[in-house]
């Protein structure tokens, strides 16, 4: 309802545009930020069974945010599984020690030696499966690095 009033009455107008975003994108972004800011207003919290409960507009919008977060998480998790499953299946039977060494060799060409060293210590060395390593690569380095490793490391080692 608030969003409708803002758009209908022209409350938000952007006269000087110093960004590369033009037209409806900038207006949509500004409207979203303004609406979220108003929707998150809380005056104080009360504790109910040890959990804080906001008093203000936030008391209504927190339930909508929780529902949205659940839906977003389920969509993101499903897409993550669709992306990572072929890699996990490809390397499932691979010799772990040799796989770790090949990953370290490929990551040696990464521009950030500190990041690779930290990743090696925190993920590769303690990993008990190729699945853990692949998930760590995706999380720390992204899709591009995971695909590059996939092209550089054979499935059966």
C-alpha atoms as a PDB file:
ATOM      1  CA  UNK A   1       0.000   0.000   0.000  1.00  0.00           C
ATOM      2  CA  UNK A   2       2.826   2.382   0.935  1.00  0.00           C
ATOM      3  CA  UNK A   3       4.643   1.571  -2.302  1.00  0.00           C
ATOM      4  CA  UNK A   4       1.488   2.337  -4.282  1.00  0.00           C
ATOM      5  CA  UNK A   5       1.120   5.729  -2.575  1.00  0.00           C
ATOM      6  CA  UNK A   6       4.780   6.595  -3.189  1.00  0.00           C
ATOM      7  CA  UNK A   7       4.549   5.758  -6.874  1.00  0.00           C
ATOM      8  CA  UNK A   8       1.107   7.289  -7.395  1.00  0.00           C
ATOM      9  CA  UNK A   9       1.830  10.584  -5.706  1.00  0.00           C
ATOM     10  CA  UNK A  10       5.337  10.928  -7.133  1.00  0.00           C
ATOM     11  CA  UNK A  11       6.889  11.297  -3.676  1.00  0.00           C
ATOM     12  CA  UNK A  12      10.214  10.020  -4.947  1.00  0.00           C
ATOM     13  CA  UNK A  13      11.706  11.893  -7.870  1.00  0.00           C
ATOM     14  CA  UNK A  14      15.317  11.850  -9.006  1.00  0.00           C
ATOM     15  CA  UNK A  15      16.283  15.117 -10.645  1.00  0.00           C
ATOM     16  CA  UNK A  16      20.070  14.709 -10.832  1.00  0.00           C
ATOM     17  CA  UNK A  17      21.367  11.336 -11.946  1.00  0.00           C
ATOM     18  CA  UNK A  18      25.076  10.883 -11.223  1.00  0.00           C
ATOM     19  CA  UNK A  19      25.005   7.132 -11.739  1.00  0.00           C
ATOM     20  CA  UNK A  20      25.107   4.829 -14.745  1.00  0.00           C
ATOM     21  CA  UNK A  21      21.616   3.520 -13.901  1.00  0.00           C
ATOM     22  CA  UNK A  22      18.937   5.271 -15.915  1.00  0.00           C
ATOM     23  CA  UNK A  23      15.185   5.483 -16.035  1.00  0.00           C
ATOM     24  CA  UNK A  24      13.106   2.795 -14.403  1.00  0.00           C
ATOM     25  CA  UNK A  25      16.068   0.948 -12.866  1.00  0.00           C
ATOM     26  CA  UNK A  26      17.173   3.881 -10.752  1.00  0.00           C
ATOM     27  CA  UNK A  27      13.597   4.704  -9.762  1.00  0.00           C
ATOM     28  CA  UNK A  28      12.915   1.059  -8.854  1.00  0.00           C
ATOM     29  CA  UNK A  29      16.072   0.866  -6.754  1.00  0.00           C
ATOM     30  CA  UNK A  30      15.352   4.121  -4.919  1.00  0.00           C
ATOM     31  CA  UNK A  31      11.738   3.127  -4.318  1.00  0.00           C
ATOM     32  CA  UNK A  32      12.798  -0.259  -2.973  1.00  0.00           C
ATOM     33  CA  UNK A  33      15.350   1.229  -0.594  1.00  0.00           C
ATOM     34  CA  UNK A  34      12.879   3.852   0.648  1.00  0.00           C
ATOM     35  CA  UNK A  35      10.115   1.286   1.122  1.00  0.00           C
ATOM     36  CA  UNK A  36      12.412  -1.119   2.952  1.00  0.00           C
ATOM     37  CA  UNK A  37      13.611   1.725   5.175  1.00  0.00           C
ATOM     38  CA  UNK A  38      10.073   2.694   6.140  1.00  0.00           C
ATOM     39  CA  UNK A  39       8.975  -0.928   6.565  1.00  0.00           C
ATOM     40  CA  UNK A  40      11.836  -1.619   9.008  1.00  0.00           C
ATOM     41  CA  UNK A  41      10.902   1.140  11.467  1.00  0.00           C
ATOM     42  CA  UNK A  42      10.716  -0.145  15.014  1.00  0.00           C
ATOM     43  CA  UNK A  43      10.245   1.900  18.114  1.00  0.00           C
ATOM     44  CA  UNK A  44      11.420  -0.659  20.682  1.00  0.00           C
ATOM     45  CA  UNK A  45      11.618  -4.397  21.343  1.00  0.00           C
ATOM     46  CA  UNK A  46       9.809  -6.441  23.934  1.00  0.00           C
ATOM     47  CA  UNK A  47      11.050  -9.850  25.031  1.00  0.00           C
ATOM     48  CA  UNK A  48       8.683 -12.775  24.625  1.00  0.00           C
ATOM     49  CA  UNK A  49      10.128 -16.035  25.939  1.00  0.00           C
ATOM     50  CA  UNK A  50      13.644 -14.652  25.534  1.00  0.00           C
ATOM     51  CA  UNK A  51      13.127 -13.586  21.908  1.00  0.00           C
ATOM     52  CA  UNK A  52      12.959  -9.904  20.930  1.00  0.00           C
ATOM     53  CA  UNK A  53       9.738  -8.796  19.240  1.00  0.00           C
ATOM     54  CA  UNK A  54       9.805  -5.392  17.501  1.00  0.00           C
ATOM     55  CA  UNK A  55       7.064  -2.850  18.096  1.00  0.00           C
ATOM     56  CA  UNK A  56       6.412  -0.670  15.047  1.00  0.00           C
ATOM     57  CA  UNK A  57       6.026  -1.360  11.331  1.00  0.00           C
ATOM     58  CA  UNK A  58       8.759  -3.973  11.677  1.00  0.00           C
ATOM     59  CA  UNK A  59       6.389  -6.145  13.743  1.00  0.00           C
ATOM     60  CA  UNK A  60       4.303  -6.691  10.588  1.00  0.00           C
ATOM     61  CA  UNK A  61       7.068  -6.859   7.988  1.00  0.00           C
ATOM     62  CA  UNK A  62       9.290  -9.328   9.853  1.00  0.00           C
ATOM     63  CA  UNK A  63       6.849 -12.138   9.068  1.00  0.00           C
ATOM     64  CA  UNK A  64       6.883 -11.210   5.381  1.00  0.00           C
ATOM     65  CA  UNK A  65      10.699 -11.087   5.423  1.00  0.00           C
ATOM     66  CA  UNK A  66      10.894 -14.532   7.022  1.00  0.00           C
ATOM     67  CA  UNK A  67       8.567 -16.013   4.406  1.00  0.00           C
ATOM     68  CA  UNK A  68      10.533 -14.384   1.591  1.00  0.00           C
ATOM     69  CA  UNK A  69      13.827 -15.644   3.042  1.00  0.00           C
ATOM     70  CA  UNK A  70      12.504 -19.230   3.184  1.00  0.00           C
ATOM     71  CA  UNK A  71      11.376 -19.098  -0.439  1.00  0.00           C
ATOM     72  CA  UNK A  72      14.627 -17.512  -1.582  1.00  0.00           C
ATOM     73  CA  UNK A  73      16.719 -20.070   0.307  1.00  0.00           C
ATOM     74  CA  UNK A  74      14.827 -22.978  -1.235  1.00  0.00           C
ATOM     75  CA  UNK A  75      15.271 -21.558  -4.754  1.00  0.00           C
ATOM     76  CA  UNK A  76      18.962 -20.850  -4.168  1.00  0.00           C
ATOM     77  CA  UNK A  77      19.606 -24.278  -2.654  1.00  0.00           C
ATOM     78  CA  UNK A  78      17.868 -26.072  -5.533  1.00  0.00           C
ATOM     79  CA  UNK A  79      19.935 -24.150  -8.086  1.00  0.00           C
ATOM     80  CA  UNK A  80      23.109 -24.815  -6.110  1.00  0.00           C
ATOM     81  CA  UNK A  81      22.401 -28.562  -6.172  1.00  0.00           C
ATOM     82  CA  UNK A  82      21.652 -28.495  -9.896  1.00  0.00           C
ATOM     83  CA  UNK A  83      24.976 -26.781 -10.542  1.00  0.00           C
ATOM     84  CA  UNK A  84      27.263 -28.717  -8.181  1.00  0.00           C
ATOM     85  CA  UNK A  85      25.874 -32.274  -8.603  1.00  0.00           C
ATOM     86  CA  UNK A  86      27.579 -33.037 -11.964  1.00  0.00           C
ATOM     87  CA  UNK A  87      30.954 -31.991 -10.525  1.00  0.00           C
ATOM     88  CA  UNK A  88      30.426 -34.096  -7.403  1.00  0.00           C
ATOM     89  CA  UNK A  89      29.455 -37.141  -9.451  1.00  0.00           C
ATOM     90  CA  UNK A  90      32.417 -36.715 -11.792  1.00  0.00           C
ATOM     91  CA  UNK A  91      34.988 -36.666  -8.972  1.00  0.00           C
ATOM     92  CA  UNK A  92      33.200 -39.004  -6.538  1.00  0.00           C
ATOM     93  CA  UNK A  93      35.519 -42.003  -7.107  1.00  0.00           C
ATOM     94  CA  UNK A  94      38.703 -39.962  -7.520  1.00  0.00           C
ATOM     95  CA  UNK A  95      41.752 -40.613  -5.328  1.00  0.00           C
ATOM     96  CA  UNK A  96      41.494 -37.886  -2.682  1.00  0.00           C
ATOM     97  CA  UNK A  97      45.213 -37.273  -2.082  1.00  0.00           C
ATOM     98  CA  UNK A  98      45.964 -36.950  -5.793  1.00  0.00           C
ATOM     99  CA  UNK A  99      42.864 -34.773  -6.286  1.00  0.00           C
ATOM    100  CA  UNK A 100      43.997 -32.423  -3.502  1.00  0.00           C
ATOM    101  CA  UNK A 101      47.426 -32.063  -5.113  1.00  0.00           C
ATOM    102  CA  UNK A 102      45.944 -31.370  -8.557  1.00  0.00           C
ATOM    103  CA  UNK A 103      43.650 -28.692  -7.078  1.00  0.00           C
ATOM    104  CA  UNK A 104      46.616 -27.049  -5.346  1.00  0.00           C
ATOM    105  CA  UNK A 105      48.557 -27.127  -8.628  1.00  0.00           C
ATOM    106  CA  UNK A 106      45.707 -25.484 -10.551  1.00  0.00           C
ATOM    107  CA  UNK A 107      45.122 -22.859  -7.852  1.00  0.00           C
ATOM    108  CA  UNK A 108      48.824 -21.935  -7.954  1.00  0.00           C
ATOM    109  CA  UNK A 109      48.033 -19.733 -10.960  1.00  0.00           C
ATOM    110  CA  UNK A 110      45.431 -17.758  -8.984  1.00  0.00           C
ATOM    111  CA  UNK A 111      46.435 -14.094  -8.556  1.00  0.00           C
ATOM    112  CA  UNK A 112      45.971 -14.086  -4.764  1.00  0.00           C
ATOM    113  CA  UNK A 113      48.552 -16.348  -3.141  1.00  0.00           C
ATOM    114  CA  UNK A 114      47.295 -15.437   0.350  1.00  0.00           C
ATOM    115  CA  UNK A 115      43.767 -16.520  -0.515  1.00  0.00           C
ATOM    116  CA  UNK A 116      44.999 -19.811  -1.969  1.00  0.00           C
ATOM    117  CA  UNK A 117      47.184 -20.467   1.087  1.00  0.00           C
ATOM    118  CA  UNK A 118      44.288 -19.795   3.454  1.00  0.00           C
ATOM    119  CA  UNK A 119      41.997 -22.005   1.364  1.00  0.00           C
ATOM    120  CA  UNK A 120      44.542 -24.814   1.308  1.00  0.00           C
ATOM    121  CA  UNK A 121      44.893 -24.719   5.084  1.00  0.00           C
ATOM    122  CA  UNK A 122      41.210 -24.329   5.942  1.00  0.00           C
ATOM    123  CA  UNK A 123      39.527 -26.469   3.268  1.00  0.00           C
ATOM    124  CA  UNK A 124      41.817 -28.710   1.218  1.00  0.00           C
ATOM    125  CA  UNK A 125      44.032 -30.154   3.961  1.00  0.00           C
ATOM    126  CA  UNK A 126      41.247 -31.146   6.394  1.00  0.00           C
ATOM    127  CA  UNK A 127      38.802 -32.251   3.644  1.00  0.00           C
ATOM    128  CA  UNK A 128      37.621 -35.843   3.845  1.00  0.00           C
ATOM    129  CA  UNK A 129      36.016 -35.933   0.411  1.00  0.00           C
ATOM    130  CA  UNK A 130      36.127 -34.326  -3.016  1.00  0.00           C
ATOM    131  CA  UNK A 131      32.615 -33.014  -2.312  1.00  0.00           C
ATOM    132  CA  UNK A 132      33.933 -30.811   0.514  1.00  0.00           C
ATOM    133  CA  UNK A 133      36.699 -29.428  -1.692  1.00  0.00           C
ATOM    134  CA  UNK A 134      34.362 -28.683  -4.604  1.00  0.00           C
ATOM    135  CA  UNK A 135      31.894 -26.900  -2.313  1.00  0.00           C
ATOM    136  CA  UNK A 136      34.746 -24.861  -0.837  1.00  0.00           C
ATOM    137  CA  UNK A 137      36.045 -23.882  -4.276  1.00  0.00           C
ATOM    138  CA  UNK A 138      32.596 -22.710  -5.330  1.00  0.00           C
ATOM    139  CA  UNK A 139      32.133 -20.765  -2.091  1.00  0.00           C
ATOM    140  CA  UNK A 140      35.581 -19.141  -2.000  1.00  0.00           C
ATOM    141  CA  UNK A 141      36.489 -18.700  -5.675  1.00  0.00           C
ATOM    142  CA  UNK A 142      33.206 -18.904  -7.598  1.00  0.00           C
ATOM    143  CA  UNK A 143      31.860 -20.675 -10.667  1.00  0.00           C
ATOM    144  CA  UNK A 144      34.623 -19.583 -13.037  1.00  0.00           C
ATOM    145  CA  UNK A 145      37.398 -21.153 -10.977  1.00  0.00           C
ATOM    146  CA  UNK A 146      35.371 -24.326 -10.430  1.00  0.00           C
ATOM    147  CA  UNK A 147      34.799 -24.670 -14.182  1.00  0.00           C
ATOM    148  CA  UNK A 148      38.497 -24.002 -14.883  1.00  0.00           C
ATOM    149  CA  UNK A 149      39.471 -26.731 -12.421  1.00  0.00           C
ATOM    150  CA  UNK A 150      36.931 -29.054 -14.011  1.00  0.00           C
ATOM    151  CA  UNK A 151      38.617 -28.562 -17.388  1.00  0.00           C
ATOM    152  CA  UNK A 152      42.117 -29.020 -15.930  1.00  0.00           C
ATOM    153  CA  UNK A 153      41.659 -32.012 -13.626  1.00  0.00           C
ATOM    154  CA  UNK A 154      40.696 -35.400 -15.080  1.00  0.00           C
ATOM    155  CA  UNK A 155      37.900 -37.358 -13.443  1.00  0.00           C
ATOM    156  CA  UNK A 156      39.766 -40.554 -12.585  1.00  0.00           C
ATOM    157  CA  UNK A 157      43.123 -40.031 -10.947  1.00  0.00           C
END
